[in-house]
Amino acid sequence: MEKVLFGLGLLVMVYNVLYGLRLKRAAPGGVIGERSGQMLFFIAFFALAYLGVLLLTWNEPSSLLLLLLSLVLLLGAVFVHLVLRLVDAILASL
């Protein structure tokens, strides 16, 4: 179960990276463009961290700790997606 949740979180983060790339191209220059680049860097970094956690815990037996970790990471990925949607709405209103 944990592996599925880790994988789902990783897929959401990969989608977030692609969504972030699209937003970075749509962002005007200046402060917004600079900050979107920084945000994209951290999203990509955390996507790689999700992959690292998945690989490091692949052979671990199921436990409550891994289940909680996978749920927290999945909800974190969903939070990042919601933030990206908010940024997209803000950019659309400019």
PDB file of N, CA and C in Angstrom:
ATOM      1  N   MET A   1       0.817  -1.197   0.000  1.00  0.00           N
ATOM      2  CA  MET A   1       0.000   0.000   0.000  1.00  0.00           C
ATOM      3  C   MET A   1       0.865   1.266   0.000  1.00  0.00           C
ATOM      4  N   GLU A   2       1.939   1.231   0.811  1.00  0.00           N
ATOM      5  CA  GLU A   2       2.802   2.409   0.896  1.00  0.00           C
ATOM      6  C   GLU A   2       3.459   2.707  -0.442  1.00  0.00           C
ATOM      7  N   LYS A   3       3.856   1.648  -1.139  1.00  0.00           N
ATOM      8  CA  LYS A   3       4.534   1.842  -2.433  1.00  0.00           C
ATOM      9  C   LYS A   3       3.598   2.509  -3.437  1.00  0.00           C
ATOM     10  N   VAL A   4       2.335   2.135  -3.387  1.00  0.00           N
ATOM     11  CA  VAL A   4       1.348   2.739  -4.287  1.00  0.00           C
ATOM     12  C   VAL A   4       1.190   4.223  -3.964  1.00  0.00           C
ATOM     13  N   LEU A   5       1.119   4.552  -2.685  1.00  0.00           N
ATOM     14  CA  LEU A   5       0.974   5.956  -2.286  1.00  0.00           C
ATOM     15  C   LEU A   5       2.224   6.758  -2.630  1.00  0.00           C
ATOM     16  N   PHE A   6       3.415   6.156  -2.417  1.00  0.00           N
ATOM     17  CA  PHE A   6       4.656   6.832  -2.811  1.00  0.00           C
ATOM     18  C   PHE A   6       4.667   7.072  -4.319  1.00  0.00           C
ATOM     19  N   GLY A   7       4.287   6.042  -5.079  1.00  0.00           N
ATOM     20  CA  GLY A   7       4.256   6.178  -6.536  1.00  0.00           C
ATOM     21  C   GLY A   7       3.251   7.216  -6.995  1.00  0.00           C
ATOM     22  N   LEU A   8       2.101   7.246  -6.358  1.00  0.00           N
ATOM     23  CA  LEU A   8       1.086   8.240  -6.700  1.00  0.00           C
ATOM     24  C   LEU A   8       1.583   9.652  -6.391  1.00  0.00           C
ATOM     25  N   GLY A   9       2.236   9.813  -5.258  1.00  0.00           N
ATOM     26  CA  GLY A   9       2.824  11.110  -4.920  1.00  0.00           C
ATOM     27  C   GLY A   9       3.880  11.525  -5.927  1.00  0.00           C
ATOM     28  N   LEU A  10       4.697  10.566  -6.374  1.00  0.00           N
ATOM     29  CA  LEU A  10       5.716  10.857  -7.379  1.00  0.00           C
ATOM     30  C   LEU A  10       5.077  11.275  -8.698  1.00  0.00           C
ATOM     31  N   LEU A  11       4.018  10.587  -9.104  1.00  0.00           N
ATOM     32  CA  LEU A  11       3.328  10.958 -10.346  1.00  0.00           C
ATOM     33  C   LEU A  11       2.731  12.360 -10.255  1.00  0.00           C
ATOM     34  N   VAL A  12       2.150  12.681  -9.113  1.00  0.00           N
ATOM     35  CA  VAL A  12       1.593  14.027  -8.933  1.00  0.00           C
ATOM     36  C   VAL A  12       2.710  15.064  -9.000  1.00  0.00           C
ATOM     37  N   MET A  13       3.860  14.759  -8.408  1.00  0.00           N
ATOM     38  CA  MET A  13       4.975  15.707  -8.443  1.00  0.00           C
ATOM     39  C   MET A  13       5.541  15.861  -9.852  1.00  0.00           C
ATOM     40  N   VAL A  14       5.599  14.787 -10.627  1.00  0.00           N
ATOM     41  CA  VAL A  14       6.052  14.906 -12.018  1.00  0.00           C
ATOM     42  C   VAL A  14       5.079  15.789 -12.794  1.00  0.00           C
ATOM     43  N   TYR A  15       3.781  15.590 -12.567  1.00  0.00           N
ATOM     44  CA  TYR A  15       2.793  16.455 -13.205  1.00  0.00           C
ATOM     45  C   TYR A  15       2.984  17.904 -12.760  1.00  0.00           C
ATOM     46  N   ASN A  16       3.293  18.100 -11.474  1.00  0.00           N
ATOM     47  CA  ASN A  16       3.524  19.454 -10.962  1.00  0.00           C
ATOM     48  C   ASN A  16       4.729  20.103 -11.628  1.00  0.00           C
ATOM     49  N   VAL A  17       5.776  19.327 -11.887  1.00  0.00           N
ATOM     50  CA  VAL A  17       6.948  19.875 -12.576  1.00  0.00           C
ATOM     51  C   VAL A  17       6.560  20.341 -13.975  1.00  0.00           C
ATOM     52  N   LEU A  18       5.795  19.524 -14.685  1.00  0.00           N
ATOM     53  CA  LEU A  18       5.366  19.906 -16.037  1.00  0.00           C
ATOM     54  C   LEU A  18       4.445  21.126 -15.995  1.00  0.00           C
ATOM     55  N   TYR A  19       3.556  21.160 -15.026  1.00  0.00           N
ATOM     56  CA  TYR A  19       2.660  22.301 -14.846  1.00  0.00           C
ATOM     57  C   TYR A  19       3.471  23.555 -14.506  1.00  0.00           C
ATOM     58  N   GLY A  20       4.475  23.394 -13.647  1.00  0.00           N
ATOM     59  CA  GLY A  20       5.336  24.513 -13.286  1.00  0.00           C
ATOM     60  C   GLY A  20       6.123  25.044 -14.475  1.00  0.00           C
ATOM     61  N   LEU A  21       6.576  24.152 -15.350  1.00  0.00           N
ATOM     62  CA  LEU A  21       7.275  24.592 -16.566  1.00  0.00           C
ATOM     63  C   LEU A  21       6.355  25.438 -17.440  1.00  0.00           C
ATOM     64  N   ARG A  22       5.102  25.002 -17.558  1.00  0.00           N
ATOM     65  CA  ARG A  22       4.138  25.766 -18.354  1.00  0.00           C
ATOM     66  C   ARG A  22       3.890  27.138 -17.732  1.00  0.00           C
ATOM     67  N   LEU A  23       3.777  27.176 -16.414  1.00  0.00           N
ATOM     68  CA  LEU A  23       3.560  28.457 -15.738  1.00  0.00           C
ATOM     69  C   LEU A  23       4.768  29.373 -15.868  1.00  0.00           C
ATOM     70  N   LYS A  24       5.962  28.805 -15.822  1.00  0.00           N
ATOM     71  CA  LYS A  24       7.167  29.626 -15.940  1.00  0.00           C
ATOM     72  C   LYS A  24       7.224  30.288 -17.312  1.00  0.00           C
ATOM     73  N   ARG A  25       6.831  29.553 -18.342  1.00  0.00           N
ATOM     74  CA  ARG A  25       6.805  30.143 -19.689  1.00  0.00           C
ATOM     75  C   ARG A  25       5.745  31.233 -19.796  1.00  0.00           C
ATOM     76  N   ALA A  26       4.645  31.074 -19.071  1.00  0.00           N
ATOM     77  CA  ALA A  26       3.553  32.053 -19.145  1.00  0.00           C
ATOM     78  C   ALA A  26       3.804  33.271 -18.264  1.00  0.00           C
ATOM     79  N   ALA A  27       4.715  33.147 -17.314  1.00  0.00           N
ATOM     80  CA  ALA A  27       4.957  34.250 -16.373  1.00  0.00           C
ATOM     81  C   ALA A  27       5.736  35.362 -17.053  1.00  0.00           C
ATOM     82  N   PRO A  28       5.332  36.595 -16.806  1.00  0.00           N
ATOM     83  CA  PRO A  28       6.122  37.706 -17.335  1.00  0.00           C
ATOM     84  C   PRO A  28       7.460  37.779 -16.604  1.00  0.00           C
ATOM     85  N   GLY A  29       8.358  38.565 -17.120  1.00  0.00           N
ATOM     86  CA  GLY A  29       9.674  38.704 -16.494  1.00  0.00           C
ATOM     87  C   GLY A  29       9.594  39.425 -15.165  1.00  0.00           C
ATOM     88  N   GLY A  30      10.725  39.844 -14.680  1.00  0.00           N
ATOM     89  CA  GLY A  30      10.773  40.575 -13.418  1.00  0.00           C
ATOM     90  C   GLY A  30      10.693  39.647 -12.229  1.00  0.00           C
ATOM     91  N   VAL A  31      10.074  40.147 -11.178  1.00  0.00           N
ATOM     92  CA  VAL A  31      10.004  39.398  -9.925  1.00  0.00           C
ATOM     93  C   VAL A  31       9.199  38.118 -10.099  1.00  0.00           C
ATOM     94  N   ILE A  32       8.093  38.188 -10.822  1.00  0.00           N
ATOM     95  CA  ILE A  32       7.248  37.002 -10.996  1.00  0.00           C
ATOM     96  C   ILE A  32       8.003  35.919 -11.752  1.00  0.00           C
ATOM     97  N   GLY A  33       8.695  36.289 -12.811  1.00  0.00           N
ATOM     98  CA  GLY A  33       9.463  35.311 -13.570  1.00  0.00           C
ATOM     99  C   GLY A  33      10.589  34.700 -12.752  1.00  0.00           C
ATOM    100  N   GLU A  34      11.259  35.533 -11.960  1.00  0.00           N
ATOM    101  CA  GLU A  34      12.354  35.039 -11.118  1.00  0.00           C
ATOM    102  C   GLU A  34      11.836  34.083 -10.051  1.00  0.00           C
ATOM    103  N   ARG A  35      10.769  34.472  -9.382  1.00  0.00           N
ATOM    104  CA  ARG A  35      10.216  33.624  -8.320  1.00  0.00           C
ATOM    105  C   ARG A  35       9.629  32.329  -8.878  1.00  0.00           C
ATOM    106  N   SER A  36       9.067  32.379 -10.080  1.00  0.00           N
ATOM    107  CA  SER A  36       8.534  31.141 -10.658  1.00  0.00           C
ATOM    108  C   SER A  36       9.665  30.175 -10.979  1.00  0.00           C
ATOM    109  N   GLY A  37      10.817  30.700 -11.365  1.00  0.00           N
ATOM    110  CA  GLY A  37      11.975  29.838 -11.594  1.00  0.00           C
ATOM    111  C   GLY A  37      12.459  29.186 -10.310  1.00  0.00           C
ATOM    112  N   GLN A  38      12.471  29.944  -9.233  1.00  0.00           N
ATOM    113  CA  GLN A  38      12.869  29.392  -7.936  1.00  0.00           C
ATOM    114  C   GLN A  38      11.865  28.345  -7.465  1.00  0.00           C
ATOM    115  N   MET A  39      10.583  28.631  -7.654  1.00  0.00           N
ATOM    116  CA  MET A  39       9.558  27.683  -7.260  1.00  0.00           C
ATOM    117  C   MET A  39       9.689  26.386  -8.055  1.00  0.00           C
ATOM    118  N   LEU A  40       9.956  26.510  -9.346  1.00  0.00           N
ATOM    119  CA  LEU A  40      10.119  25.331 -10.191  1.00  0.00           C
ATOM    120  C   LEU A  40      11.324  24.504  -9.751  1.00  0.00           C
ATOM    121  N   PHE A  41      12.410  25.162  -9.358  1.00  0.00           N
ATOM    122  CA  PHE A  41      13.587  24.444  -8.867  1.00  0.00           C
ATOM    123  C   PHE A  41      13.231  23.596  -7.648  1.00  0.00           C
ATOM    124  N   PHE A  42      12.504  24.174  -6.698  1.00  0.00           N
ATOM    125  CA  PHE A  42      12.149  23.429  -5.492  1.00  0.00           C
ATOM    126  C   PHE A  42      11.153  22.312  -5.793  1.00  0.00           C
ATOM    127  N   ILE A  43      10.238  22.531  -6.721  1.00  0.00           N
ATOM    128  CA  ILE A  43       9.301  21.473  -7.093  1.00  0.00           C
ATOM    129  C   ILE A  43      10.060  20.303  -7.699  1.00  0.00           C
ATOM    130  N   ALA A  44      11.012  20.587  -8.584  1.00  0.00           N
ATOM    131  CA  ALA A  44      11.811  19.519  -9.195  1.00  0.00           C
ATOM    132  C   ALA A  44      12.668  18.815  -8.141  1.00  0.00           C
ATOM    133  N   PHE A  45      13.239  19.585  -7.214  1.00  0.00           N
ATOM    134  CA  PHE A  45      14.044  18.990  -6.146  1.00  0.00           C
ATOM    135  C   PHE A  45      13.205  18.025  -5.310  1.00  0.00           C
ATOM    136  N   PHE A  46      12.000  18.431  -4.939  1.00  0.00           N
ATOM    137  CA  PHE A  46      11.153  17.568  -4.135  1.00  0.00           C
ATOM    138  C   PHE A  46      10.636  16.374  -4.935  1.00  0.00           C
ATOM    139  N   ALA A  47      10.450  16.526  -6.237  1.00  0.00           N
ATOM    140  CA  ALA A  47      10.074  15.376  -7.058  1.00  0.00           C
ATOM    141  C   ALA A  47      11.192  14.336  -7.042  1.00  0.00           C
ATOM    142  N   LEU A  48      12.438  14.785  -7.134  1.00  0.00           N
ATOM    143  CA  LEU A  48      13.568  13.852  -7.032  1.00  0.00           C
ATOM    144  C   LEU A  48      13.648  13.234  -5.638  1.00  0.00           C
ATOM    145  N   ALA A  49      13.306  14.003  -4.621  1.00  0.00           N
ATOM    146  CA  ALA A  49      13.298  13.467  -3.256  1.00  0.00           C
ATOM    147  C   ALA A  49      12.229  12.383  -3.105  1.00  0.00           C
ATOM    148  N   TYR A  50      11.074  12.558  -3.745  1.00  0.00           N
ATOM    149  CA  TYR A  50      10.036  11.528  -3.712  1.00  0.00           C
ATOM    150  C   TYR A  50      10.577  10.242  -4.326  1.00  0.00           C
ATOM    151  N   LEU A  51      11.278  10.375  -5.455  1.00  0.00           N
ATOM    152  CA  LEU A  51      11.865   9.205  -6.103  1.00  0.00           C
ATOM    153  C   LEU A  51      12.894   8.555  -5.179  1.00  0.00           C
ATOM    154  N   GLY A  52      13.715   9.363  -4.525  1.00  0.00           N
ATOM    155  CA  GLY A  52      14.704   8.826  -3.595  1.00  0.00           C
ATOM    156  C   GLY A  52      14.068   8.070  -2.438  1.00  0.00           C
ATOM    157  N   VAL A  53      13.020   8.621  -1.870  1.00  0.00           N
ATOM    158  CA  VAL A  53      12.327   7.949  -0.764  1.00  0.00           C
ATOM    159  C   VAL A  53      11.721   6.642  -1.248  1.00  0.00           C
ATOM    160  N   LEU A  54      11.145   6.649  -2.427  1.00  0.00           N
ATOM    161  CA  LEU A  54      10.562   5.420  -2.974  1.00  0.00           C
ATOM    162  C   LEU A  54      11.630   4.349  -3.147  1.00  0.00           C
ATOM    163  N   LEU A  55      12.783   4.719  -3.696  1.00  0.00           N
ATOM    164  CA  LEU A  55      13.855   3.746  -3.904  1.00  0.00           C
ATOM    165  C   LEU A  55      14.457   3.268  -2.585  1.00  0.00           C
ATOM    166  N   LEU A  56      14.620   4.171  -1.630  1.00  0.00           N
ATOM    167  CA  LEU A  56      15.215   3.790  -0.348  1.00  0.00           C
ATOM    168  C   LEU A  56      14.303   2.909   0.498  1.00  0.00           C
ATOM    169  N   THR A  57      13.008   3.020   0.318  1.00  0.00           N
ATOM    170  CA  THR A  57      12.070   2.230   1.125  1.00  0.00           C
ATOM    171  C   THR A  57      11.488   1.047   0.362  1.00  0.00           C
ATOM    172  N   TRP A  58      11.984   0.780  -0.835  1.00  0.00           N
ATOM    173  CA  TRP A  58      11.394  -0.263  -1.681  1.00  0.00           C
ATOM    174  C   TRP A  58      11.408  -1.632  -1.006  1.00  0.00           C
ATOM    175  N   ASN A  59      12.507  -2.010  -0.361  1.00  0.00           N
ATOM    176  CA  ASN A  59      12.622  -3.338   0.247  1.00  0.00           C
ATOM    177  C   ASN A  59      12.245  -3.357   1.721  1.00  0.00           C
ATOM    178  N   GLU A  60      11.774  -2.254   2.235  1.00  0.00           N
ATOM    179  CA  GLU A  60      11.372  -2.200   3.640  1.00  0.00           C
ATOM    180  C   GLU A  60      10.015  -2.889   3.820  1.00  0.00           C
ATOM    181  N   PRO A  61       9.838  -3.576   4.938  1.00  0.00           N
ATOM    182  CA  PRO A  61       8.519  -4.172   5.197  1.00  0.00           C
ATOM    183  C   PRO A  61       7.493  -3.078   5.520  1.00  0.00           C
ATOM    184  N   SER A  62       6.254  -3.405   5.297  1.00  0.00           N
ATOM    185  CA  SER A  62       5.181  -2.443   5.573  1.00  0.00           C
ATOM    186  C   SER A  62       5.144  -2.108   7.059  1.00  0.00           C
ATOM    187  N   SER A  63       4.919  -0.840   7.336  1.00  0.00           N
ATOM    188  CA  SER A  63       4.810  -0.407   8.729  1.00  0.00           C
ATOM    189  C   SER A  63       3.929   0.831   8.779  1.00  0.00           C
ATOM    190  N   LEU A  64       3.490   1.142   9.962  1.00  0.00           N
ATOM    191  CA  LEU A  64       2.661   2.326  10.155  1.00  0.00           C
ATOM    192  C   LEU A  64       3.445   3.589   9.825  1.00  0.00           C
ATOM    193  N   LEU A  65       4.721   3.606  10.158  1.00  0.00           N
ATOM    194  CA  LEU A  65       5.565   4.768   9.882  1.00  0.00           C
ATOM    195  C   LEU A  65       5.654   5.037   8.376  1.00  0.00           C
ATOM    196  N   LEU A  66       5.847   3.990   7.582  1.00  0.00           N
ATOM    197  CA  LEU A  66       5.908   4.171   6.129  1.00  0.00           C
ATOM    198  C   LEU A  66       4.563   4.604   5.564  1.00  0.00           C
ATOM    199  N   LEU A  67       3.485   4.083   6.124  1.00  0.00           N
ATOM    200  CA  LEU A  67       2.158   4.492   5.671  1.00  0.00           C
ATOM    201  C   LEU A  67       1.927   5.975   5.955  1.00  0.00           C
ATOM    202  N   LEU A  68       2.282   6.422   7.146  1.00  0.00           N
ATOM    203  CA  LEU A  68       2.124   7.844   7.484  1.00  0.00           C
ATOM    204  C   LEU A  68       3.019   8.720   6.621  1.00  0.00           C
ATOM    205  N   LEU A  69       4.254   8.284   6.385  1.00  0.00           N
ATOM    206  CA  LEU A  69       5.167   9.039   5.536  1.00  0.00           C
ATOM    207  C   LEU A  69       4.623   9.156   4.120  1.00  0.00           C
ATOM    208  N   SER A  70       4.105   8.056   3.589  1.00  0.00           N
ATOM    209  CA  SER A  70       3.570   8.099   2.227  1.00  0.00           C
ATOM    210  C   SER A  70       2.341   9.000   2.140  1.00  0.00           C
ATOM    211  N   LEU A  71       1.506   8.992   3.166  1.00  0.00           N
ATOM    212  CA  LEU A  71       0.334   9.874   3.171  1.00  0.00           C
ATOM    213  C   LEU A  71       0.739  11.342   3.258  1.00  0.00           C
ATOM    214  N   VAL A  72       1.716  11.648   4.094  1.00  0.00           N
ATOM    215  CA  VAL A  72       2.183  13.034   4.222  1.00  0.00           C
ATOM    216  C   VAL A  72       2.777  13.511   2.906  1.00  0.00           C
ATOM    217  N   LEU A  73       3.574  12.672   2.259  1.00  0.00           N
ATOM    218  CA  LEU A  73       4.179  13.068   0.988  1.00  0.00           C
ATOM    219  C   LEU A  73       3.128  13.231  -0.112  1.00  0.00           C
ATOM    220  N   LEU A  74       2.141  12.344  -0.137  1.00  0.00           N
ATOM    221  CA  LEU A  74       1.075  12.472  -1.130  1.00  0.00           C
ATOM    222  C   LEU A  74       0.285  13.760  -0.908  1.00  0.00           C
ATOM    223  N   LEU A  75      -0.053  14.053   0.330  1.00  0.00           N
ATOM    224  CA  LEU A  75      -0.785  15.291   0.612  1.00  0.00           C
ATOM    225  C   LEU A  75       0.070  16.518   0.324  1.00  0.00           C
ATOM    226  N   GLY A  76       1.375  16.414   0.516  1.00  0.00           N
ATOM    227  CA  GLY A  76       2.275  17.502   0.144  1.00  0.00           C
ATOM    228  C   GLY A  76       2.268  17.743  -1.349  1.00  0.00           C
ATOM    229  N   ALA A  77       2.235  16.668  -2.130  1.00  0.00           N
ATOM    230  CA  ALA A  77       2.178  16.804  -3.586  1.00  0.00           C
ATOM    231  C   ALA A  77       0.866  17.450  -4.019  1.00  0.00           C
ATOM    232  N   VAL A  78      -0.223  17.089  -3.363  1.00  0.00           N
ATOM    233  CA  VAL A  78      -1.520  17.700  -3.673  1.00  0.00           C
ATOM    234  C   VAL A  78      -1.496  19.183  -3.301  1.00  0.00           C
ATOM    235  N   PHE A  79      -0.873  19.523  -2.184  1.00  0.00           N
ATOM    236  CA  PHE A  79      -0.752  20.924  -1.780  1.00  0.00           C
ATOM    237  C   PHE A  79       0.028  21.728  -2.821  1.00  0.00           C
ATOM    238  N   VAL A  80       1.121  21.171  -3.312  1.00  0.00           N
ATOM    239  CA  VAL A  80       1.906  21.851  -4.350  1.00  0.00           C
ATOM    240  C   VAL A  80       1.044  22.081  -5.586  1.00  0.00           C
ATOM    241  N   HIS A  81       0.227  21.094  -5.944  1.00  0.00           N
ATOM    242  CA  HIS A  81      -0.655  21.255  -7.103  1.00  0.00           C
ATOM    243  C   HIS A  81      -1.657  22.389  -6.875  1.00  0.00           C
ATOM    244  N   LEU A  82      -2.215  22.465  -5.677  1.00  0.00           N
ATOM    245  CA  LEU A  82      -3.165  23.542  -5.375  1.00  0.00           C
ATOM    246  C   LEU A  82      -2.491  24.912  -5.438  1.00  0.00           C
ATOM    247  N   VAL A  83      -1.261  25.003  -4.962  1.00  0.00           N
ATOM    248  CA  VAL A  83      -0.525  26.267  -5.040  1.00  0.00           C
ATOM    249  C   VAL A  83      -0.276  26.642  -6.494  1.00  0.00           C
ATOM    250  N   LEU A  84       0.082  25.668  -7.318  1.00  0.00           N
ATOM    251  CA  LEU A  84       0.306  25.952  -8.736  1.00  0.00           C
ATOM    252  C   LEU A  84      -0.974  26.417  -9.419  1.00  0.00           C
ATOM    253  N   ARG A  85      -2.100  25.826  -9.048  1.00  0.00           N
ATOM    254  CA  ARG A  85      -3.371  26.286  -9.617  1.00  0.00           C
ATOM    255  C   ARG A  85      -3.677  27.711  -9.188  1.00  0.00           C
ATOM    256  N   LEU A  86      -3.356  28.057  -7.942  1.00  0.00           N
ATOM    257  CA  LEU A  86      -3.546  29.424  -7.461  1.00  0.00           C
ATOM    258  C   LEU A  86      -2.665  30.389  -8.243  1.00  0.00           C
ATOM    259  N   VAL A  87      -1.407  30.035  -8.449  1.00  0.00           N
ATOM    260  CA  VAL A  87      -0.496  30.887  -9.220  1.00  0.00           C
ATOM    261  C   VAL A  87      -0.997  31.030 -10.648  1.00  0.00           C
ATOM    262  N   ASP A  88      -1.506  29.943 -11.223  1.00  0.00           N
ATOM    263  CA  ASP A  88      -2.053  29.996 -12.579  1.00  0.00           C
ATOM    264  C   ASP A  88      -3.230  30.963 -12.646  1.00  0.00           C
ATOM    265  N   ALA A  89      -4.112  30.923 -11.655  1.00  0.00           N
ATOM    266  CA  ALA A  89      -5.260  31.836 -11.636  1.00  0.00           C
ATOM    267  C   ALA A  89      -4.807  33.282 -11.474  1.00  0.00           C
ATOM    268  N   ILE A  90      -3.790  33.502 -10.666  1.00  0.00           N
ATOM    269  CA  ILE A  90      -3.273  34.864 -10.483  1.00  0.00           C
ATOM    270  C   ILE A  90      -2.657  35.373 -11.780  1.00  0.00           C
ATOM    271  N   LEU A  91      -1.872  34.533 -12.444  1.00  0.00           N
ATOM    272  CA  LEU A  91      -1.263  34.946 -13.713  1.00  0.00           C
ATOM    273  C   LEU A  91      -2.316  35.205 -14.786  1.00  0.00           C
ATOM    274  N   ALA A  92      -3.394  34.427 -14.766  1.00  0.00           N
ATOM    275  CA  ALA A  92      -4.456  34.624 -15.753  1.00  0.00           C
ATOM    276  C   ALA A  92      -5.189  35.946 -15.525  1.00  0.00           C
ATOM    277  N   SER A  93      -5.214  36.408 -14.286  1.00  0.00           N
ATOM    278  CA  SER A  93      -5.928  37.655 -14.000  1.00  0.00           C
ATOM    279  C   SER A  93      -5.082  38.897 -14.262  1.00  0.00           C
ATOM    280  N   LEU A  94      -3.795  38.721 -14.517  1.00  0.00           N
ATOM    281  CA  LEU A  94      -2.926  39.885 -14.785  1.00  0.00           C
ATOM    282  C   LEU A  94      -3.163  40.446 -16.172  1.00  0.00           C
TER     283      LEU A  94
END
